[in-house]
Amino acid sequence: MSWVALDDVLGAIQHALLNESLRGPVNVVSPQPVTNREFARALGRVLKRPVFFRVPAFALKILLGEMAGPLLLASARAKPGKLAASGYAFKFQDLEMALRHVLGVWL
């Protein structure tokens, strides 16, 4: 799944406004997409909470019906191709460091 730190969202917007060669739609996502499992484990480490189990897809389909697919089960590994090619340097490429920053949790 794609993720991005708020600092990088704001930085990318500023970069796009100041960079005349950057035109059209831009994916504002981290260059390091992760799986849901990786995200949950990183969040668990940051919050010092155990990550016990995953919710099976069939359970989500029972609870949410056909909306489970597009809402929770679909996968899109978007990459910031145009943004990176234009020279934007991400402040947070590591998910765990981004979570620590946004949640104010340090080692």
PDB file of N, CA and C in Angstrom:
ATOM      1  N   MET A   1       0.839  -1.170   0.000  1.00  0.00           N
ATOM      2  CA  MET A   1       0.000   0.000   0.000  1.00  0.00           C
ATOM      3  C   MET A   1       0.882   1.231   0.000  1.00  0.00           C
ATOM      4  N   SER A   2       0.403   2.246  -0.625  1.00  0.00           N
ATOM      5  CA  SER A   2       1.159   3.490  -0.690  1.00  0.00           C
ATOM      6  C   SER A   2       0.887   4.331   0.546  1.00  0.00           C
ATOM      7  N   TRP A   3       1.884   5.051   0.984  1.00  0.00           N
ATOM      8  CA  TRP A   3       1.759   5.921   2.139  1.00  0.00           C
ATOM      9  C   TRP A   3       2.659   7.126   1.882  1.00  0.00           C
ATOM     10  N   VAL A   4       2.463   8.187   2.654  1.00  0.00           N
ATOM     11  CA  VAL A   4       3.343   9.348   2.561  1.00  0.00           C
ATOM     12  C   VAL A   4       3.207  10.151   3.847  1.00  0.00           C
ATOM     13  N   ALA A   5       4.306  10.690   4.315  1.00  0.00           N
ATOM     14  CA  ALA A   5       4.300  11.531   5.510  1.00  0.00           C
ATOM     15  C   ALA A   5       3.740  12.907   5.157  1.00  0.00           C
ATOM     16  N   LEU A   6       3.035  13.517   6.094  1.00  0.00           N
ATOM     17  CA  LEU A   6       2.449  14.834   5.862  1.00  0.00           C
ATOM     18  C   LEU A   6       3.514  15.860   5.487  1.00  0.00           C
ATOM     19  N   ASP A   7       4.684  15.786   6.105  1.00  0.00           N
ATOM     20  CA  ASP A   7       5.764  16.719   5.758  1.00  0.00           C
ATOM     21  C   ASP A   7       6.117  16.607   4.273  1.00  0.00           C
ATOM     22  N   ASP A   8       6.092  15.386   3.742  1.00  0.00           N
ATOM     23  CA  ASP A   8       6.401  15.195   2.328  1.00  0.00           C
ATOM     24  C   ASP A   8       5.251  15.621   1.420  1.00  0.00           C
ATOM     25  N   VAL A   9       4.027  15.530   1.884  1.00  0.00           N
ATOM     26  CA  VAL A   9       2.899  16.045   1.097  1.00  0.00           C
ATOM     27  C   VAL A   9       3.080  17.549   0.909  1.00  0.00           C
ATOM     28  N   LEU A  10       3.330  18.231   2.012  1.00  0.00           N
ATOM     29  CA  LEU A  10       3.511  19.687   1.938  1.00  0.00           C
ATOM     30  C   LEU A  10       4.750  20.057   1.140  1.00  0.00           C
ATOM     31  N   GLY A  11       5.825  19.298   1.334  1.00  0.00           N
ATOM     32  CA  GLY A  11       7.060  19.547   0.575  1.00  0.00           C
ATOM     33  C   GLY A  11       6.865  19.321  -0.911  1.00  0.00           C
ATOM     34  N   ALA A  12       6.118  18.295  -1.273  1.00  0.00           N
ATOM     35  CA  ALA A  12       5.864  18.001  -2.688  1.00  0.00           C
ATOM     36  C   ALA A  12       5.005  19.086  -3.328  1.00  0.00           C
ATOM     37  N   ILE A  13       4.028  19.585  -2.593  1.00  0.00           N
ATOM     38  CA  ILE A  13       3.197  20.672  -3.120  1.00  0.00           C
ATOM     39  C   ILE A  13       4.052  21.909  -3.364  1.00  0.00           C
ATOM     40  N   GLN A  14       4.894  22.255  -2.399  1.00  0.00           N
ATOM     41  CA  GLN A  14       5.782  23.409  -2.568  1.00  0.00           C
ATOM     42  C   GLN A  14       6.719  23.185  -3.756  1.00  0.00           C
ATOM     43  N   HIS A  15       7.274  21.997  -3.860  1.00  0.00           N
ATOM     44  CA  HIS A  15       8.178  21.663  -4.962  1.00  0.00           C
ATOM     45  C   HIS A  15       7.462  21.810  -6.307  1.00  0.00           C
ATOM     46  N   ALA A  16       6.236  21.319  -6.391  1.00  0.00           N
ATOM     47  CA  ALA A  16       5.478  21.404  -7.637  1.00  0.00           C
ATOM     48  C   ALA A  16       5.160  22.852  -8.011  1.00  0.00           C
ATOM     49  N   LEU A  17       4.869  23.654  -7.004  1.00  0.00           N
ATOM     50  CA  LEU A  17       4.559  25.065  -7.278  1.00  0.00           C
ATOM     51  C   LEU A  17       5.788  25.841  -7.758  1.00  0.00           C
ATOM     52  N   LEU A  18       6.956  25.462  -7.260  1.00  0.00           N
ATOM     53  CA  LEU A  18       8.184  26.185  -7.601  1.00  0.00           C
ATOM     54  C   LEU A  18       8.914  25.608  -8.808  1.00  0.00           C
ATOM     55  N   ASN A  19       8.543  24.427  -9.255  1.00  0.00           N
ATOM     56  CA  ASN A  19       9.229  23.756 -10.346  1.00  0.00           C
ATOM     57  C   ASN A  19       8.362  23.835 -11.599  1.00  0.00           C
ATOM     58  N   GLU A  20       8.704  24.745 -12.506  1.00  0.00           N
ATOM     59  CA  GLU A  20       7.882  24.979 -13.697  1.00  0.00           C
ATOM     60  C   GLU A  20       7.875  23.804 -14.666  1.00  0.00           C
ATOM     61  N   SER A  21       8.897  22.965 -14.614  1.00  0.00           N
ATOM     62  CA  SER A  21       8.953  21.833 -15.538  1.00  0.00           C
ATOM     63  C   SER A  21       8.026  20.688 -15.119  1.00  0.00           C
ATOM     64  N   LEU A  22       7.548  20.725 -13.894  1.00  0.00           N
ATOM     65  CA  LEU A  22       6.660  19.674 -13.393  1.00  0.00           C
ATOM     66  C   LEU A  22       5.221  20.046 -13.718  1.00  0.00           C
ATOM     67  N   ARG A  23       4.606  19.293 -14.625  1.00  0.00           N
ATOM     68  CA  ARG A  23       3.244  19.593 -15.082  1.00  0.00           C
ATOM     69  C   ARG A  23       2.377  18.351 -15.009  1.00  0.00           C
ATOM     70  N   GLY A  24       1.080  18.570 -14.874  1.00  0.00           N
ATOM     71  CA  GLY A  24       0.129  17.470 -14.881  1.00  0.00           C
ATOM     72  C   GLY A  24       0.028  16.789 -13.534  1.00  0.00           C
ATOM     73  N   PRO A  25      -0.696  15.672 -13.488  1.00  0.00           N
ATOM     74  CA  PRO A  25      -0.887  14.968 -12.218  1.00  0.00           C
ATOM     75  C   PRO A  25       0.421  14.366 -11.710  1.00  0.00           C
ATOM     76  N   VAL A  26       0.545  14.348 -10.387  1.00  0.00           N
ATOM     77  CA  VAL A  26       1.750  13.834  -9.733  1.00  0.00           C
ATOM     78  C   VAL A  26       1.313  12.917  -8.596  1.00  0.00           C
ATOM     79  N   ASN A  27       1.906  11.737  -8.524  1.00  0.00           N
ATOM     80  CA  ASN A  27       1.642  10.837  -7.398  1.00  0.00           C
ATOM     81  C   ASN A  27       2.451  11.310  -6.200  1.00  0.00           C
ATOM     82  N   VAL A  28       1.769  11.766  -5.178  1.00  0.00           N
ATOM     83  CA  VAL A  28       2.451  12.178  -3.947  1.00  0.00           C
ATOM     84  C   VAL A  28       2.352  11.005  -2.977  1.00  0.00           C
ATOM     85  N   VAL A  29       3.279  10.080  -3.141  1.00  0.00           N
ATOM     86  CA  VAL A  29       3.376   8.882  -2.317  1.00  0.00           C
ATOM     87  C   VAL A  29       4.845   8.627  -2.025  1.00  0.00           C
ATOM     88  N   SER A  30       5.111   7.912  -0.956  1.00  0.00           N
ATOM     89  CA  SER A  30       6.478   7.549  -0.626  1.00  0.00           C
ATOM     90  C   SER A  30       7.052   6.646  -1.720  1.00  0.00           C
ATOM     91  N   PRO A  31       8.360   6.722  -1.955  1.00  0.00           N
ATOM     92  CA  PRO A  31       8.960   5.808  -2.933  1.00  0.00           C
ATOM     93  C   PRO A  31       9.072   4.375  -2.421  1.00  0.00           C
ATOM     94  N   GLN A  32       8.672   4.140  -1.162  1.00  0.00           N
ATOM     95  CA  GLN A  32       8.764   2.818  -0.552  1.00  0.00           C
ATOM     96  C   GLN A  32       7.387   2.301  -0.134  1.00  0.00           C
ATOM     97  N   PRO A  33       6.578   1.779  -1.072  1.00  0.00           N
ATOM     98  CA  PRO A  33       5.285   1.218  -0.662  1.00  0.00           C
ATOM     99  C   PRO A  33       5.506  -0.017   0.210  1.00  0.00           C
ATOM    100  N   VAL A  34       4.524  -0.333   1.028  1.00  0.00           N
ATOM    101  CA  VAL A  34       4.624  -1.476   1.947  1.00  0.00           C
ATOM    102  C   VAL A  34       3.358  -2.319   1.848  1.00  0.00           C
ATOM    103  N   THR A  35       3.441  -3.523   2.360  1.00  0.00           N
ATOM    104  CA  THR A  35       2.239  -4.347   2.460  1.00  0.00           C
ATOM    105  C   THR A  35       1.494  -3.937   3.726  1.00  0.00           C
ATOM    106  N   ASN A  36       0.256  -4.353   3.820  1.00  0.00           N
ATOM    107  CA  ASN A  36      -0.521  -4.067   5.025  1.00  0.00           C
ATOM    108  C   ASN A  36       0.145  -4.696   6.245  1.00  0.00           C
ATOM    109  N   ARG A  37       0.691  -5.887   6.075  1.00  0.00           N
ATOM    110  CA  ARG A  37       1.392  -6.569   7.174  1.00  0.00           C
ATOM    111  C   ARG A  37       2.603  -5.750   7.643  1.00  0.00           C
ATOM    112  N   GLU A  38       3.383  -5.230   6.690  1.00  0.00           N
ATOM    113  CA  GLU A  38       4.544  -4.407   7.047  1.00  0.00           C
ATOM    114  C   GLU A  38       4.110  -3.138   7.772  1.00  0.00           C
ATOM    115  N   PHE A  39       3.008  -2.531   7.301  1.00  0.00           N
ATOM    116  CA  PHE A  39       2.501  -1.324   7.946  1.00  0.00           C
ATOM    117  C   PHE A  39       2.080  -1.616   9.385  1.00  0.00           C
ATOM    118  N   ALA A  40       1.321  -2.699   9.571  1.00  0.00           N
ATOM    119  CA  ALA A  40       0.847  -3.063  10.910  1.00  0.00           C
ATOM    120  C   ALA A  40       2.023  -3.357  11.842  1.00  0.00           C
ATOM    121  N   ARG A  41       3.022  -4.061  11.344  1.00  0.00           N
ATOM    122  CA  ARG A  41       4.194  -4.371  12.179  1.00  0.00           C
ATOM    123  C   ARG A  41       4.971  -3.113  12.547  1.00  0.00           C
ATOM    124  N   ALA A  42       5.146  -2.200  11.597  1.00  0.00           N
ATOM    125  CA  ALA A  42       5.853  -0.950  11.887  1.00  0.00           C
ATOM    126  C   ALA A  42       5.082  -0.126  12.920  1.00  0.00           C
ATOM    127  N   LEU A  43       3.768  -0.042  12.768  1.00  0.00           N
ATOM    128  CA  LEU A  43       2.948   0.697  13.727  1.00  0.00           C
ATOM    129  C   LEU A  43       3.006   0.035  15.094  1.00  0.00           C
ATOM    130  N   GLY A  44       2.991  -1.290  15.135  1.00  0.00           N
ATOM    131  CA  GLY A  44       3.106  -2.019  16.392  1.00  0.00           C
ATOM    132  C   GLY A  44       4.436  -1.739  17.094  1.00  0.00           C
ATOM    133  N   ARG A  45       5.535  -1.698  16.311  1.00  0.00           N
ATOM    134  CA  ARG A  45       6.843  -1.386  16.909  1.00  0.00           C
ATOM    135  C   ARG A  45       6.869   0.032  17.479  1.00  0.00           C
ATOM    136  N   VAL A  46       6.321   0.971  16.724  1.00  0.00           N
ATOM    137  CA  VAL A  46       6.320   2.366  17.164  1.00  0.00           C
ATOM    138  C   VAL A  46       5.506   2.535  18.441  1.00  0.00           C
ATOM    139  N   LEU A  47       4.340   1.914  18.490  1.00  0.00           N
ATOM    140  CA  LEU A  47       3.457   2.051  19.652  1.00  0.00           C
ATOM    141  C   LEU A  47       3.765   1.049  20.765  1.00  0.00           C
ATOM    142  N   LYS A  48       4.765   0.187  20.504  1.00  0.00           N
ATOM    143  CA  LYS A  48       5.137  -0.867  21.459  1.00  0.00           C
ATOM    144  C   LYS A  48       3.927  -1.710  21.832  1.00  0.00           C
ATOM    145  N   ARG A  49       3.201  -2.112  20.806  1.00  0.00           N
ATOM    146  CA  ARG A  49       2.019  -2.951  20.952  1.00  0.00           C
ATOM    147  C   ARG A  49       2.196  -4.181  20.069  1.00  0.00           C
ATOM    148  N   PRO A  50       1.752  -5.317  20.532  1.00  0.00           N
ATOM    149  CA  PRO A  50       1.870  -6.520  19.697  1.00  0.00           C
ATOM    150  C   PRO A  50       0.874  -6.508  18.550  1.00  0.00           C
ATOM    151  N   VAL A  51       1.275  -7.118  17.467  1.00  0.00           N
ATOM    152  CA  VAL A  51       0.393  -7.309  16.323  1.00  0.00           C
ATOM    153  C   VAL A  51       0.111  -8.800  16.273  1.00  0.00           C
ATOM    154  N   PHE A  52      -1.102  -9.190  16.667  1.00  0.00           N
ATOM    155  CA  PHE A  52      -1.417 -10.604  16.834  1.00  0.00           C
ATOM    156  C   PHE A  52      -1.898 -11.301  15.575  1.00  0.00           C
ATOM    157  N   PHE A  53      -2.883 -10.738  14.934  1.00  0.00           N
ATOM    158  CA  PHE A  53      -3.502 -11.484  13.847  1.00  0.00           C
ATOM    159  C   PHE A  53      -3.976 -10.550  12.754  1.00  0.00           C
ATOM    160  N   ARG A  54      -4.255 -11.172  11.625  1.00  0.00           N
ATOM    161  CA  ARG A  54      -4.806 -10.455  10.483  1.00  0.00           C
ATOM    162  C   ARG A  54      -6.275 -10.822  10.354  1.00  0.00           C
ATOM    163  N   VAL A  55      -7.042  -9.916   9.819  1.00  0.00           N
ATOM    164  CA  VAL A  55      -8.450 -10.200   9.542  1.00  0.00           C
ATOM    165  C   VAL A  55      -8.499 -10.886   8.179  1.00  0.00           C
ATOM    166  N   PRO A  56      -9.052 -12.089   8.111  1.00  0.00           N
ATOM    167  CA  PRO A  56      -9.109 -12.788   6.821  1.00  0.00           C
ATOM    168  C   PRO A  56     -10.015 -12.062   5.826  1.00  0.00           C
ATOM    169  N   ALA A  57      -9.648 -12.165   4.558  1.00  0.00           N
ATOM    170  CA  ALA A  57     -10.403 -11.488   3.506  1.00  0.00           C
ATOM    171  C   ALA A  57     -11.869 -11.906   3.499  1.00  0.00           C
ATOM    172  N   PHE A  58     -12.145 -13.191   3.723  1.00  0.00           N
ATOM    173  CA  PHE A  58     -13.540 -13.640   3.689  1.00  0.00           C
ATOM    174  C   PHE A  58     -14.371 -12.961   4.776  1.00  0.00           C
ATOM    175  N   ALA A  59     -13.758 -12.668   5.944  1.00  0.00           N
ATOM    176  CA  ALA A  59     -14.491 -11.989   7.018  1.00  0.00           C
ATOM    177  C   ALA A  59     -14.843 -10.562   6.609  1.00  0.00           C
ATOM    178  N   LEU A  60     -13.918  -9.892   5.940  1.00  0.00           N
ATOM    179  CA  LEU A  60     -14.197  -8.534   5.463  1.00  0.00           C
ATOM    180  C   LEU A  60     -15.298  -8.551   4.404  1.00  0.00           C
ATOM    181  N   LYS A  61     -15.264  -9.573   3.554  1.00  0.00           N
ATOM    182  CA  LYS A  61     -16.294  -9.683   2.516  1.00  0.00           C
ATOM    183  C   LYS A  61     -17.667  -9.938   3.127  1.00  0.00           C
ATOM    184  N   ILE A  62     -17.715 -10.710   4.202  1.00  0.00           N
ATOM    185  CA  ILE A  62     -18.986 -10.952   4.885  1.00  0.00           C
ATOM    186  C   ILE A  62     -19.494  -9.660   5.524  1.00  0.00           C
ATOM    187  N   LEU A  63     -18.589  -8.920   6.169  1.00  0.00           N
ATOM    188  CA  LEU A  63     -18.979  -7.689   6.855  1.00  0.00           C
ATOM    189  C   LEU A  63     -19.320  -6.550   5.896  1.00  0.00           C
ATOM    190  N   LEU A  64     -18.514  -6.381   4.848  1.00  0.00           N
ATOM    191  CA  LEU A  64     -18.668  -5.225   3.969  1.00  0.00           C
ATOM    192  C   LEU A  64     -19.242  -5.545   2.602  1.00  0.00           C
ATOM    193  N   GLY A  65     -19.412  -6.825   2.297  1.00  0.00           N
ATOM    194  CA  GLY A  65     -19.943  -7.202   0.993  1.00  0.00           C
ATOM    195  C   GLY A  65     -18.980  -6.843  -0.123  1.00  0.00           C
ATOM    196  N   GLU A  66     -19.530  -6.413  -1.238  1.00  0.00           N
ATOM    197  CA  GLU A  66     -18.695  -6.117  -2.405  1.00  0.00           C
ATOM    198  C   GLU A  66     -17.804  -4.898  -2.218  1.00  0.00           C
ATOM    199  N   MET A  67     -18.082  -4.074  -1.223  1.00  0.00           N
ATOM    200  CA  MET A  67     -17.240  -2.894  -0.971  1.00  0.00           C
ATOM    201  C   MET A  67     -15.910  -3.260  -0.310  1.00  0.00           C
ATOM    202  N   ALA A  68     -15.773  -4.475   0.216  1.00  0.00           N
ATOM    203  CA  ALA A  68     -14.521  -4.890   0.849  1.00  0.00           C
ATOM    204  C   ALA A  68     -13.373  -4.839  -0.145  1.00  0.00           C
ATOM    205  N   GLY A  69     -13.653  -5.230  -1.378  1.00  0.00           N
ATOM    206  CA  GLY A  69     -12.603  -5.248  -2.400  1.00  0.00           C
ATOM    207  C   GLY A  69     -11.985  -3.880  -2.630  1.00  0.00           C
ATOM    208  N   PRO A  70     -12.766  -2.910  -3.110  1.00  0.00           N
ATOM    209  CA  PRO A  70     -12.176  -1.603  -3.396  1.00  0.00           C
ATOM    210  C   PRO A  70     -11.719  -0.845  -2.145  1.00  0.00           C
ATOM    211  N   LEU A  71     -12.382  -1.059  -1.020  1.00  0.00           N
ATOM    212  CA  LEU A  71     -12.028  -0.304   0.187  1.00  0.00           C
ATOM    213  C   LEU A  71     -10.792  -0.844   0.902  1.00  0.00           C
ATOM    214  N   LEU A  72     -10.716  -2.153   1.049  1.00  0.00           N
ATOM    215  CA  LEU A  72      -9.684  -2.714   1.918  1.00  0.00           C
ATOM    216  C   LEU A  72      -8.784  -3.763   1.287  1.00  0.00           C
ATOM    217  N   LEU A  73      -9.240  -4.430   0.255  1.00  0.00           N
ATOM    218  CA  LEU A  73      -8.484  -5.564  -0.262  1.00  0.00           C
ATOM    219  C   LEU A  73      -7.722  -5.273  -1.550  1.00  0.00           C
ATOM    220  N   ALA A  74      -8.057  -4.196  -2.223  1.00  0.00           N
ATOM    221  CA  ALA A  74      -7.382  -3.863  -3.476  1.00  0.00           C
ATOM    222  C   ALA A  74      -5.962  -3.386  -3.193  1.00  0.00           C
ATOM    223  N   SER A  75      -5.111  -3.561  -4.166  1.00  0.00           N
ATOM    224  CA  SER A  75      -3.718  -3.179  -3.996  1.00  0.00           C
ATOM    225  C   SER A  75      -3.307  -2.238  -5.126  1.00  0.00           C
ATOM    226  N   ALA A  76      -2.635  -1.179  -4.764  1.00  0.00           N
ATOM    227  CA  ALA A  76      -2.082  -0.253  -5.747  1.00  0.00           C
ATOM    228  C   ALA A  76      -0.725   0.206  -5.227  1.00  0.00           C
ATOM    229  N   ARG A  77       0.313  -0.161  -5.931  1.00  0.00           N
ATOM    230  CA  ARG A  77       1.660   0.216  -5.500  1.00  0.00           C
ATOM    231  C   ARG A  77       2.113   1.410  -6.334  1.00  0.00           C
ATOM    232  N   ALA A  78       1.516   2.543  -6.051  1.00  0.00           N
ATOM    233  CA  ALA A  78       1.844   3.770  -6.780  1.00  0.00           C
ATOM    234  C   ALA A  78       3.269   4.195  -6.454  1.00  0.00           C
ATOM    235  N   LYS A  79       3.938   4.757  -7.424  1.00  0.00           N
ATOM    236  CA  LYS A  79       5.301   5.252  -7.252  1.00  0.00           C
ATOM    237  C   LYS A  79       5.335   6.729  -7.642  1.00  0.00           C
ATOM    238  N   PRO A  80       6.200   7.517  -7.006  1.00  0.00           N
ATOM    239  CA  PRO A  80       6.267   8.956  -7.298  1.00  0.00           C
ATOM    240  C   PRO A  80       7.224   9.264  -8.451  1.00  0.00           C
ATOM    241  N   GLY A  81       7.016   8.651  -9.599  1.00  0.00           N
ATOM    242  CA  GLY A  81       7.937   8.769 -10.730  1.00  0.00           C
ATOM    243  C   GLY A  81       8.239  10.200 -11.150  1.00  0.00           C
ATOM    244  N   LYS A  82       7.198  10.982 -11.462  1.00  0.00           N
ATOM    245  CA  LYS A  82       7.420  12.362 -11.919  1.00  0.00           C
ATOM    246  C   LYS A  82       8.038  13.225 -10.823  1.00  0.00           C
ATOM    247  N   LEU A  83       7.592  13.005  -9.612  1.00  0.00           N
ATOM    248  CA  LEU A  83       8.092  13.795  -8.488  1.00  0.00           C
ATOM    249  C   LEU A  83       9.579  13.525  -8.264  1.00  0.00           C
ATOM    250  N   ALA A  84       9.955  12.261  -8.259  1.00  0.00           N
ATOM    251  CA  ALA A  84      11.360  11.889  -8.064  1.00  0.00           C
ATOM    252  C   ALA A  84      12.211  12.370  -9.236  1.00  0.00           C
ATOM    253  N   ALA A  85      11.689  12.224 -10.458  1.00  0.00           N
ATOM    254  CA  ALA A  85      12.436  12.649 -11.650  1.00  0.00           C
ATOM    255  C   ALA A  85      12.665  14.161 -11.668  1.00  0.00           C
ATOM    256  N   SER A  86      11.782  14.906 -11.025  1.00  0.00           N
ATOM    257  CA  SER A  86      11.924  16.370 -10.994  1.00  0.00           C
ATOM    258  C   SER A  86      12.883  16.832  -9.902  1.00  0.00           C
ATOM    259  N   GLY A  87      13.398  15.881  -9.104  1.00  0.00           N
ATOM    260  CA  GLY A  87      14.406  16.228  -8.111  1.00  0.00           C
ATOM    261  C   GLY A  87      13.907  16.386  -6.689  1.00  0.00           C
ATOM    262  N   TYR A  88      12.658  16.023  -6.424  1.00  0.00           N
ATOM    263  CA  TYR A  88      12.172  16.150  -5.045  1.00  0.00           C
ATOM    264  C   TYR A  88      12.861  15.112  -4.162  1.00  0.00           C
ATOM    265  N   ALA A  89      13.364  15.559  -3.021  1.00  0.00           N
ATOM    266  CA  ALA A  89      14.019  14.665  -2.055  1.00  0.00           C
ATOM    267  C   ALA A  89      13.076  14.445  -0.880  1.00  0.00           C
ATOM    268  N   PHE A  90      12.635  13.217  -0.697  1.00  0.00           N
ATOM    269  CA  PHE A  90      11.717  12.890   0.391  1.00  0.00           C
ATOM    270  C   PHE A  90      12.402  12.996   1.738  1.00  0.00           C
ATOM    271  N   LYS A  91      11.709  13.573   2.709  1.00  0.00           N
ATOM    272  CA  LYS A  91      12.225  13.646   4.082  1.00  0.00           C
ATOM    273  C   LYS A  91      12.049  12.318   4.784  1.00  0.00           C
ATOM    274  N   PHE A  92      10.969  11.611   4.462  1.00  0.00           N
ATOM    275  CA  PHE A  92      10.662  10.335   5.107  1.00  0.00           C
ATOM    276  C   PHE A  92      10.423   9.259   4.058  1.00  0.00           C
ATOM    277  N   GLN A  93      11.436   8.425   3.841  1.00  0.00           N
ATOM    278  CA  GLN A  93      11.276   7.276   2.960  1.00  0.00           C
ATOM    279  C   GLN A  93      11.051   6.011   3.767  1.00  0.00           C
ATOM    280  N   ASP A  94      11.360   6.065   5.053  1.00  0.00           N
ATOM    281  CA  ASP A  94      11.213   4.917   5.943  1.00  0.00           C
ATOM    282  C   ASP A  94       9.902   5.064   6.718  1.00  0.00           C
ATOM    283  N   LEU A  95       9.025   4.075   6.600  1.00  0.00           N
ATOM    284  CA  LEU A  95       7.715   4.135   7.234  1.00  0.00           C
ATOM    285  C   LEU A  95       7.810   4.276   8.744  1.00  0.00           C
ATOM    286  N   GLU A  96       8.659   3.493   9.371  1.00  0.00           N
ATOM    287  CA  GLU A  96       8.740   3.544  10.833  1.00  0.00           C
ATOM    288  C   GLU A  96       9.177   4.925  11.314  1.00  0.00           C
ATOM    289  N   MET A  97      10.142   5.534  10.645  1.00  0.00           N
ATOM    290  CA  MET A  97      10.577   6.880  11.044  1.00  0.00           C
ATOM    291  C   MET A  97       9.456   7.907  10.819  1.00  0.00           C
ATOM    292  N   ALA A  98       8.701   7.751   9.749  1.00  0.00           N
ATOM    293  CA  ALA A  98       7.582   8.661   9.496  1.00  0.00           C
ATOM    294  C   ALA A  98       6.522   8.520  10.575  1.00  0.00           C
ATOM    295  N   LEU A  99       6.218   7.287  10.968  1.00  0.00           N
ATOM    296  CA  LEU A  99       5.237   7.068  12.034  1.00  0.00           C
ATOM    297  C   LEU A  99       5.730   7.638  13.356  1.00  0.00           C
ATOM    298  N   ARG A 100       7.009   7.436  13.654  1.00  0.00           N
ATOM    299  CA  ARG A 100       7.572   7.994  14.896  1.00  0.00           C
ATOM    300  C   ARG A 100       7.465   9.519  14.892  1.00  0.00           C
ATOM    301  N   HIS A 101       7.739  10.117  13.758  1.00  0.00           N
ATOM    302  CA  HIS A 101       7.677  11.579  13.650  1.00  0.00           C
ATOM    303  C   HIS A 101       6.251  12.089  13.848  1.00  0.00           C
ATOM    304  N   VAL A 102       5.299  11.519  13.118  1.00  0.00           N
ATOM    305  CA  VAL A 102       3.927  12.016  13.174  1.00  0.00           C
ATOM    306  C   VAL A 102       3.267  11.730  14.532  1.00  0.00           C
ATOM    307  N   LEU A 103       3.642  10.629  15.165  1.00  0.00           N
ATOM    308  CA  LEU A 103       3.045  10.269  16.454  1.00  0.00           C
ATOM    309  C   LEU A 103       3.856  10.805  17.637  1.00  0.00           C
ATOM    310  N   GLY A 104       5.017  11.382  17.368  1.00  0.00           N
ATOM    311  CA  GLY A 104       5.849  11.924  18.441  1.00  0.00           C
ATOM    312  C   GLY A 104       6.393  10.860  19.362  1.00  0.00           C
ATOM    313  N   VAL A 105       6.698   9.697  18.799  1.00  0.00           N
ATOM    314  CA  VAL A 105       7.201   8.565  19.598  1.00  0.00           C
ATOM    315  C   VAL A 105       8.625   8.261  19.171  1.00  0.00           C
ATOM    316  N   TRP A 106       9.586   8.468  20.053  1.00  0.00           N
ATOM    317  CA  TRP A 106      10.989   8.198  19.736  1.00  0.00           C
ATOM    318  C   TRP A 106      11.517   7.147  20.683  1.00  0.00           C
ATOM    319  N   LEU A 107      12.547   6.488  20.250  1.00  0.00           N
ATOM    320  CA  LEU A 107      13.127   5.361  21.012  1.00  0.00           C
ATOM    321  C   LEU A 107      13.495   5.731  22.387  1.00  0.00           C
TER     322      LEU A 107
END
